[in-house]
Amino acid sequence: MRITFRSWLALVLGASLACAFTAPNWNEISRQTAEALLNAGARDFFAGTLRVEHARIDQTLRLRIEGVHGEIATPEKPVVLALDTLTTREPLWRLLLLKPVTFEFSGLKPSGSLSDGLSGTLVYTPGWHGSLEARVAVQNLNLAEIVWVNPDNLAGSSGRLEGEIYLRQTASAESDFSTALHVAEPGGKLQARFFDSVTPYLHKKKKRAVLEKLAGTRDLVGYSQASLEATLKNADTVKAVFRIMVPEYNLNLNLKMTVKVDEKNAFMKLFQLLGLLQAKAA
C-alpha cells in the first residue's frame, strides 16, 4: 500500500484550510481534496480510479462525501463499485500527525444496483507503518450482487446473505481478514458446478459420490441454508468452515477447509475465498 507522505498531506490540508470559507469554489476544492485522499488510501484496491461527485470539508476539517465510484480489478474483468456516503468521525488534521482517521460509509454496491449495499467503517492510518482497516456489515445482500466475484461458479445464484467481514492491509503489504457469513432459510440457488470446488474436502465416499453427481448436472441447485466462517492464517492460507444443506439431494455438508490463495492483498483474498478460487485440499 502506498501511504501519503506527511509533507503531501500538510500541503493539501494546509491549502484547504487557507481556502476554507473564502474561496468561491470551496466545494470543488473539498471534492478534489477528498478524491486525492481516497485514492491515496485505497490505491492498492482501486489503482487511482476513485471519483467523487460531491464533498464538503467543514470548519473542523471533518469530511462528508456523497457519490463515489471506482473500478476494482477482479479475476474476470474490472468492476465498477459505487458508494453512497462517506464521512469522517475525526478531523482530517489528525493525518498530519500520522494519527488514524475513521471513515464511516454506507451504500457500497456494484454501480447500478438497486440494493441498499454494504455499510461499515474504514480506519486509515498514514505513514510508513500505516494501515487500512475495514469492518463491513453484510445485511440482506442478494448473492446476485456478487456474481462478478466468480461468474462461472456464481451465475444465477440467489439467497440473502448476512454477516460481517474484517479486512486489514498494512503499508508493508501484510494483510489479514476474517469473515462470518450465512444465508438463512429459505435459502436460495447455486450453480451445480459450484460444488466442484468443495468436492476435494469431502472424504466420505458416499457423500462424495452424491456431490459429484450433483456437480455434474450443470443446473441451478436449491439449498435451504448455508454459512461460511474463515480466517487468514498466514500469507497464502485461509482456514474455513463451510456448511450447506441441499434437501433435494439429502445433503448436509459441514466441511473444514484449507484454502490456498495467491493474491497479496486481503481484498482479493476475500474474492478468491467467496468464489473458492484455486482451492486446494488440506
Protein backbone atom coordinates (compact mmCIF):
# COMPACT_ATOMS: atom_id res chain seq x y z
CA MET A 1 0.00 0.00 0.00
CA ARG A 2 1.28 3.43 -0.85
CA ILE A 3 0.76 5.73 2.10
CA THR A 4 0.58 9.51 1.68
CA PHE A 5 3.67 11.40 2.87
CA ARG A 6 3.25 13.86 5.74
CA SER A 7 4.52 16.73 3.62
CA TRP A 8 1.97 15.99 0.91
CA LEU A 9 -0.81 15.93 3.50
CA ALA A 10 0.39 19.17 5.00
CA LEU A 11 0.30 20.84 1.59
CA VAL A 12 -3.18 19.58 0.72
CA LEU A 13 -4.79 20.18 4.10
CA GLY A 14 -2.99 23.46 4.62
CA ALA A 15 -4.18 24.79 1.28
CA SER A 16 -7.68 23.53 2.05
CA LEU A 17 -7.77 25.28 5.41
CA ALA A 18 -6.42 28.50 3.93
CA CYS A 19 -9.16 28.50 1.33
CA ALA A 20 -11.95 27.45 3.67
CA PHE A 21 -14.97 29.74 3.59
CA THR A 22 -13.13 32.28 1.40
CA ALA A 23 -12.75 30.57 -1.96
CA PRO A 24 -15.85 30.79 -4.14
CA ASN A 25 -15.26 27.26 -5.35
CA TRP A 26 -14.70 25.77 -1.89
CA ASN A 27 -16.95 22.78 -2.64
CA GLU A 28 -14.80 21.89 -5.65
CA ILE A 29 -11.64 22.22 -3.56
CA SER A 30 -13.22 19.89 -0.99
CA ARG A 31 -14.15 17.41 -3.70
CA GLN A 32 -10.65 17.34 -5.18
CA THR A 33 -9.06 17.01 -1.72
CA ALA A 34 -11.42 14.15 -0.83
CA GLU A 35 -10.71 12.39 -4.11
CA ALA A 36 -6.95 12.69 -3.61
CA LEU A 37 -7.14 11.34 -0.05
CA LEU A 38 -9.33 8.38 -1.05
CA ASN A 39 -7.09 7.42 -3.94
CA ALA A 40 -4.00 7.67 -1.75
CA GLY A 41 -5.51 5.42 0.92
CA ALA A 42 -7.06 2.84 -1.42
CA ARG A 43 -4.55 2.82 -4.28
CA ASP A 44 -3.86 -0.92 -3.95
CA PHE A 45 -7.55 -1.68 -4.36
CA PHE A 46 -8.74 0.87 -6.94
CA ALA A 47 -5.49 1.92 -8.68
CA GLY A 48 -6.35 5.62 -8.61
CA THR A 49 -9.75 5.23 -10.32
CA LEU A 50 -11.91 6.58 -7.46
CA ARG A 51 -14.00 9.61 -8.42
CA VAL A 52 -16.01 11.77 -6.02
CA GLU A 53 -19.22 13.57 -7.08
CA HIS A 54 -19.82 15.84 -4.06
CA ALA A 55 -17.78 16.61 -0.94
CA ARG A 56 -17.68 19.15 1.86
CA ILE A 57 -14.99 19.82 4.49
CA ASP A 58 -16.44 21.81 7.40
CA GLN A 59 -14.81 24.24 9.85
CA THR A 60 -13.49 21.39 11.99
CA LEU A 61 -11.94 19.73 8.91
CA ARG A 62 -14.39 16.86 9.07
CA LEU A 63 -15.32 15.44 5.69
CA ARG A 64 -18.62 14.39 4.14
CA ILE A 65 -18.70 12.76 0.72
CA GLU A 66 -21.69 11.81 -1.38
CA GLY A 67 -21.35 9.71 -4.51
CA VAL A 68 -18.12 7.77 -5.08
CA HIS A 69 -17.33 5.26 -7.80
CA GLY A 70 -14.22 3.43 -8.94
CA GLU A 71 -13.01 0.31 -10.74
CA ILE A 72 -11.70 -2.67 -8.83
CA ALA A 73 -9.81 -5.46 -10.59
CA THR A 74 -11.26 -8.97 -10.41
CA PRO A 75 -10.10 -12.26 -11.95
CA GLU A 76 -12.65 -11.80 -14.77
CA LYS A 77 -12.74 -8.07 -15.54
CA PRO A 78 -12.76 -4.67 -13.79
CA VAL A 79 -15.99 -3.99 -11.88
CA VAL A 80 -17.28 -0.51 -11.07
CA LEU A 81 -18.27 -0.16 -7.40
CA ALA A 82 -20.31 2.76 -6.06
CA LEU A 83 -20.59 4.28 -2.59
CA ASP A 84 -23.49 6.46 -1.42
CA THR A 85 -21.94 8.31 1.54
CA LEU A 86 -18.64 8.55 3.38
CA THR A 87 -17.99 10.70 6.48
CA THR A 88 -15.12 11.12 8.93
CA ARG A 89 -15.56 10.84 12.69
CA GLU A 90 -12.36 12.77 13.39
CA PRO A 91 -10.93 15.91 11.73
CA LEU A 92 -8.57 15.41 8.82
CA TRP A 93 -5.76 17.35 10.51
CA ARG A 94 -5.05 14.17 12.51
CA LEU A 95 -3.47 12.76 9.36
CA LEU A 96 -0.73 15.39 9.63
CA LEU A 97 0.25 13.82 12.95
CA LEU A 98 0.11 10.34 11.39
CA LYS A 99 -2.86 9.52 13.59
CA PRO A 100 -5.74 7.32 12.40
CA VAL A 101 -8.96 8.72 10.99
CA THR A 102 -12.18 6.69 10.93
CA PHE A 103 -14.39 6.84 7.85
CA GLU A 104 -18.00 5.66 8.11
CA PHE A 105 -19.58 4.50 4.85
CA SER A 106 -22.92 3.27 3.55
CA GLY A 107 -24.32 2.09 0.23
CA LEU A 108 -21.29 0.15 -1.09
CA LYS A 109 -22.51 -1.86 -4.09
CA PRO A 110 -21.92 -2.54 -7.77
CA SER A 111 -22.72 0.51 -9.88
CA GLY A 112 -26.36 0.47 -10.99
CA SER A 113 -27.52 -1.83 -8.21
CA LEU A 114 -30.89 -1.07 -6.60
CA SER A 115 -29.93 -2.67 -3.25
CA ASP A 116 -29.04 -0.75 -0.08
CA GLY A 117 -25.47 -2.01 -0.33
CA LEU A 118 -22.96 -2.59 2.47
CA SER A 119 -22.13 -0.33 5.39
CA GLY A 120 -19.25 -0.17 7.85
CA THR A 121 -16.08 1.67 8.87
CA LEU A 122 -12.62 2.24 7.41
CA VAL A 123 -9.75 3.24 9.69
CA TYR A 124 -6.89 4.83 7.74
CA THR A 125 -3.54 5.31 9.48
CA PRO A 126 -0.97 7.18 7.32
CA GLY A 127 2.79 6.80 7.39
CA TRP A 128 5.38 4.19 6.56
CA HIS A 129 3.93 1.97 9.29
CA GLY A 130 0.34 2.82 8.43
CA SER A 131 -2.60 0.62 7.56
CA LEU A 132 -6.11 0.48 6.19
CA GLU A 133 -8.61 -1.47 8.28
CA ALA A 134 -12.21 -2.22 7.27
CA ARG A 135 -15.17 -3.64 9.15
CA VAL A 136 -18.13 -4.38 6.91
CA ALA A 137 -21.67 -5.27 7.96
CA VAL A 138 -23.43 -7.51 5.45
CA GLN A 139 -27.21 -7.21 5.68
CA ASN A 140 -29.78 -8.68 3.32
CA LEU A 141 -27.31 -8.90 0.43
CA ASN A 142 -28.59 -10.91 -2.52
CA LEU A 143 -25.96 -13.31 -3.85
CA ALA A 144 -26.81 -11.97 -7.30
CA GLU A 145 -24.96 -8.80 -6.25
CA ILE A 146 -21.62 -10.62 -6.01
CA VAL A 147 -21.80 -12.80 -9.14
CA TRP A 148 -18.93 -10.68 -10.52
CA VAL A 149 -16.60 -12.25 -7.93
CA ASN A 150 -16.70 -15.54 -9.84
CA PRO A 151 -19.27 -15.65 -12.68
CA ASP A 152 -18.52 -19.28 -13.59
CA ASN A 153 -19.46 -20.55 -10.12
CA LEU A 154 -21.98 -17.93 -9.02
CA ALA A 155 -24.02 -17.03 -12.13
CA GLY A 156 -27.72 -17.43 -11.36
CA SER A 157 -27.12 -17.67 -7.61
CA SER A 158 -29.67 -16.40 -5.13
CA GLY A 159 -30.14 -16.15 -1.37
CA ARG A 160 -29.95 -13.37 1.23
CA LEU A 161 -26.50 -13.05 2.77
CA GLU A 162 -25.91 -11.76 6.32
CA GLY A 163 -22.82 -11.41 8.49
CA GLU A 164 -19.62 -9.44 8.81
CA ILE A 165 -16.23 -9.05 7.13
CA TYR A 166 -12.96 -7.77 8.59
CA LEU A 167 -10.04 -6.69 6.38
CA ARG A 168 -6.68 -5.13 7.20
CA GLN A 169 -3.79 -4.13 4.93
CA THR A 170 -0.54 -2.57 6.17
CA ALA A 171 1.93 -0.29 4.42
CA SER A 172 4.34 -3.23 4.23
CA ALA A 173 1.72 -5.28 2.31
CA GLU A 174 0.88 -7.54 5.26
CA SER A 175 -2.80 -8.44 5.26
CA ASP A 176 -5.37 -10.06 7.47
CA PHE A 177 -9.04 -10.87 7.24
CA SER A 178 -11.81 -12.90 8.78
CA THR A 179 -15.43 -13.37 7.85
CA ALA A 180 -18.60 -14.98 9.14
CA LEU A 181 -21.41 -15.11 6.57
CA HIS A 182 -24.63 -17.08 6.36
CA VAL A 183 -27.78 -17.50 4.29
CA ALA A 184 -30.76 -18.42 6.45
CA GLU A 185 -33.89 -20.28 5.36
CA PRO A 186 -35.49 -20.42 2.86
CA GLY A 187 -32.04 -20.31 1.26
CA GLY A 188 -31.75 -19.95 -2.49
CA LYS A 189 -29.99 -21.46 -5.51
CA LEU A 190 -26.39 -22.11 -6.56
CA GLN A 191 -24.76 -23.29 -9.75
CA ALA A 192 -24.22 -27.05 -9.56
CA ARG A 193 -20.64 -26.55 -10.73
CA PHE A 194 -20.02 -24.58 -7.51
CA PHE A 195 -19.86 -27.93 -5.71
CA ASP A 196 -16.85 -28.97 -7.80
CA SER A 197 -14.86 -26.60 -5.61
CA VAL A 198 -15.78 -28.31 -2.34
CA THR A 199 -15.67 -31.94 -3.51
CA PRO A 200 -11.91 -32.33 -2.65
CA TYR A 201 -12.72 -31.64 1.01
CA LEU A 202 -15.33 -34.39 1.35
CA HIS A 203 -13.70 -37.67 2.42
CA LYS A 204 -16.82 -39.82 2.90
CA LYS A 205 -17.14 -41.78 -0.34
CA LYS A 206 -20.95 -41.99 -0.30
CA LYS A 207 -21.46 -38.25 0.13
CA ARG A 208 -18.66 -37.52 -2.30
CA ALA A 209 -20.38 -39.61 -4.97
CA VAL A 210 -23.63 -37.69 -4.40
CA LEU A 211 -21.77 -34.37 -4.59
CA GLU A 212 -20.01 -35.34 -7.81
CA LYS A 213 -23.35 -36.36 -9.32
CA LEU A 214 -24.87 -33.04 -8.24
CA ALA A 215 -21.97 -31.02 -9.67
CA GLY A 216 -22.24 -32.90 -12.94
CA THR A 217 -25.81 -31.78 -13.60
CA ARG A 218 -24.72 -28.21 -14.51
CA ASP A 219 -28.07 -26.92 -13.26
CA LEU A 220 -29.13 -24.50 -10.56
CA VAL A 221 -29.49 -26.38 -7.28
CA GLY A 222 -31.68 -25.30 -4.39
CA TYR A 223 -30.29 -25.10 -0.85
CA SER A 224 -32.13 -24.32 2.39
CA GLN A 225 -29.30 -22.67 4.34
CA ALA A 226 -25.54 -22.12 4.16
CA SER A 227 -22.70 -20.50 6.09
CA LEU A 228 -19.03 -19.69 5.74
CA GLU A 229 -16.56 -18.85 8.52
CA ALA A 230 -12.97 -18.10 7.57
CA THR A 231 -9.75 -16.65 8.96
CA LEU A 232 -6.45 -15.83 7.27
CA LYS A 233 -3.78 -17.95 8.98
CA ASN A 234 -0.74 -16.78 7.01
CA ALA A 235 0.13 -15.00 3.77
CA ASP A 236 -1.40 -17.62 1.47
CA THR A 237 -3.58 -19.88 3.62
CA VAL A 238 -7.16 -19.47 4.79
CA LYS A 239 -8.79 -21.80 7.30
CA ALA A 240 -12.51 -22.08 6.62
CA VAL A 241 -15.63 -23.97 7.66
CA PHE A 242 -18.33 -24.27 5.01
CA ARG A 243 -21.81 -25.59 5.79
CA ILE A 244 -24.71 -26.09 3.41
CA MET A 245 -27.98 -28.07 3.32
CA VAL A 246 -29.32 -29.34 -0.02
CA PRO A 247 -32.67 -31.07 0.68
CA GLU A 248 -33.20 -32.39 -2.86
CA TYR A 249 -30.03 -34.48 -2.59
CA ASN A 250 -30.36 -35.13 1.16
CA LEU A 251 -27.02 -33.38 1.71
CA ASN A 252 -25.99 -31.74 4.96
CA LEU A 253 -22.36 -30.74 4.49
CA ASN A 254 -20.03 -29.49 7.22
CA LEU A 255 -16.61 -29.06 5.64
CA LYS A 256 -13.35 -27.87 7.19
CA MET A 257 -11.11 -26.47 4.50
CA THR A 258 -7.66 -25.06 3.98
CA VAL A 259 -7.91 -22.69 1.03
CA LYS A 260 -4.75 -21.62 -0.78
CA VAL A 261 -4.89 -18.10 -2.18
CA ASP A 262 -2.30 -16.39 -4.36
CA GLU A 263 -3.14 -12.69 -4.15
CA LYS A 264 -1.12 -10.41 -1.88
CA ASN A 265 -3.82 -8.05 -0.68
CA ALA A 266 -6.63 -9.03 1.66
CA PHE A 267 -9.41 -7.72 -0.57
CA MET A 268 -8.55 -10.03 -3.44
CA LYS A 269 -8.03 -12.90 -1.00
CA LEU A 270 -11.60 -12.40 0.12
CA PHE A 271 -12.78 -12.54 -3.51
CA GLN A 272 -10.90 -15.77 -4.00
CA LEU A 273 -12.46 -17.25 -0.90
CA LEU A 274 -16.02 -16.28 -1.81
CA GLY A 275 -15.60 -17.91 -5.20
CA LEU A 276 -13.48 -20.76 -3.81
CA LEU A 277 -10.91 -19.87 -6.45
CA GLN A 278 -7.82 -22.01 -6.75
CA ALA A 279 -8.89 -24.03 -3.72
CA LYS A 280 -6.72 -26.98 -2.74
CA ALA A 281 -7.49 -29.77 -0.35
CA ALA A 282 -5.89 -29.65 3.10
